Protein backbone atom coordinates (compact mmCIF):
# COMPACT_ATOMS: atom_id res chain seq x y z
CA MET A 1 -4.25 -49.29 -16.44
CA GLU A 2 -3.72 -46.73 -19.78
CA GLY A 3 -2.10 -49.73 -21.89
CA PHE A 4 -4.42 -52.33 -20.96
CA VAL A 5 -6.44 -53.18 -24.11
CA LYS A 6 -9.16 -56.07 -24.48
CA THR A 7 -8.74 -58.13 -26.84
CA GLY A 8 -10.90 -61.03 -28.54
CA LEU A 9 -10.18 -64.45 -29.94
CA ASN A 10 -9.95 -63.00 -33.22
CA PRO A 11 -7.67 -60.08 -33.68
CA ASN A 12 -9.46 -58.62 -36.54
CA SER A 13 -13.00 -58.62 -34.78
CA GLU A 14 -14.45 -55.41 -34.37
CA VAL A 15 -15.86 -54.43 -30.15
CA VAL A 16 -19.30 -55.84 -29.71
CA ALA A 17 -21.60 -53.06 -29.25
CA ASP A 18 -22.97 -52.70 -25.28
CA PHE A 19 -26.95 -54.18 -25.65
CA ARG A 20 -27.53 -53.56 -22.33
CA GLY A 21 -29.44 -50.18 -22.47
CA ASN A 22 -29.09 -47.31 -20.67
CA ASP A 23 -30.19 -47.10 -17.01
CA GLY A 24 -33.27 -45.59 -17.02
CA SER A 25 -35.17 -48.31 -19.19
CA LEU A 26 -33.53 -50.86 -16.40
CA VAL A 27 -34.43 -48.54 -13.59
CA SER A 28 -38.13 -48.38 -15.12
CA ALA A 29 -38.41 -52.80 -15.32
CA LEU A 30 -37.50 -52.74 -12.12
CA LYS A 31 -39.96 -50.63 -10.67
CA THR A 32 -42.56 -52.66 -12.85
CA LEU A 33 -41.72 -56.16 -11.90
CA LEU A 34 -41.26 -54.76 -8.51
CA PHE A 35 -45.01 -53.26 -8.84
CA PHE A 36 -46.57 -56.62 -10.55
CA THR A 37 -44.43 -58.53 -7.51
CA VAL A 38 -45.78 -56.47 -4.95
CA LEU A 39 -49.59 -57.02 -6.78
CA MET A 40 -48.65 -60.68 -6.93
CA VAL A 41 -48.64 -61.68 -3.59
CA THR A 42 -51.00 -58.71 -1.88
CA VAL A 43 -54.41 -59.27 -4.36
CA PRO A 44 -54.70 -63.01 -4.44
CA ILE A 45 -54.06 -63.67 -0.77
CA GLY A 46 -56.62 -60.00 -0.30
CA LEU A 47 -59.13 -61.56 -2.33
CA TYR A 48 -59.35 -64.81 -1.05
CA PHE A 49 -59.81 -63.93 2.69
CA ALA A 50 -61.87 -61.10 1.88
CA SER A 51 -64.14 -63.11 -0.77
CA LYS A 52 -64.54 -66.38 2.03
CA SER A 53 -65.09 -63.87 5.12
CA TYR A 54 -67.38 -61.25 3.65
CA ILE A 55 -68.92 -62.69 0.03
CA PHE A 56 -69.11 -66.51 0.48
CA GLU A 57 -69.45 -66.71 4.58
CA GLY A 58 -71.35 -63.44 4.98
CA SER A 59 -73.74 -62.61 2.50
CA LEU A 60 -74.48 -66.16 0.69
CA GLN A 61 -74.14 -68.30 4.14
CA MET A 62 -72.05 -70.84 2.70
CA SER A 63 -70.72 -73.54 4.68
CA ASN A 64 -66.81 -73.41 5.48
CA THR A 65 -65.65 -75.88 3.33
CA ASP A 66 -67.60 -74.68 0.30
CA SER A 67 -66.54 -71.03 1.24
CA TYR A 68 -62.55 -72.22 1.03
CA PHE A 69 -63.00 -73.67 -2.53
CA TYR A 70 -65.04 -70.95 -4.09
CA ALA A 71 -62.90 -68.33 -2.38
CA ALA A 72 -59.58 -70.30 -3.84
CA ILE A 73 -61.57 -69.88 -7.45
CA VAL A 74 -61.45 -65.92 -6.78
CA ALA A 75 -57.83 -66.01 -6.08
CA VAL A 76 -56.86 -68.52 -9.16
CA LEU A 77 -58.86 -65.51 -11.28
CA ALA A 78 -57.25 -62.74 -9.55
CA VAL A 79 -53.39 -64.25 -10.29
CA HIS A 80 -54.64 -64.96 -13.94
CA VAL A 81 -55.66 -61.38 -14.27
CA VAL A 82 -52.64 -59.80 -12.30
CA LEU A 83 -49.99 -61.71 -14.79
CA ALA A 84 -52.32 -60.90 -18.02
CA LEU A 85 -51.96 -56.88 -16.86
CA PHE A 86 -48.07 -58.06 -16.68
CA VAL A 87 -47.68 -59.19 -19.70
CA TYR A 88 -49.97 -56.16 -21.46
CA VAL A 89 -47.71 -53.91 -19.34
CA ALA A 90 -44.27 -55.49 -20.93
CA TRP A 91 -45.45 -55.69 -23.90
CA THR A 92 -46.36 -52.04 -24.59
CA GLU A 93 -43.45 -50.59 -22.30
CA GLY A 94 -41.00 -51.08 -25.33
CA SER A 95 -43.26 -49.62 -27.94
CA PRO A 96 -42.87 -45.91 -29.15
CA GLN A 97 -45.52 -43.72 -28.07
CA LYS A 98 -47.16 -42.48 -30.62
CA LYS A 99 -48.09 -38.44 -29.99
CA LYS A 100 -51.18 -36.55 -31.57
CA GLY A 101 -50.76 -33.41 -32.93
CA LYS A 102 -49.46 -31.51 -35.67
CA HIS A 103 -46.06 -32.88 -36.72
CA ASP A 104 -43.69 -30.49 -38.59
């Protein structure tokens, strides 16, 4: 396989650079994605049942049907907060960090 050479359709074209990035950034992106995936599943469901039981039925003495409605609103708001956090982290992940202090 030493003599094997990859050629494209145009033999005069240059070799295209590999734009996949380094493995560290890929692992970091996958960890971030996994973290927010777990948050997207656990936070809204947990807040739904907790707010339904403890806040709306327990503290506010709402009926069962009303507590379903308001707990669903809390869960939808939690989904939006987690999505906003994910977008913020994804937006700032690739930007270079500015270090404070003396620059030589």
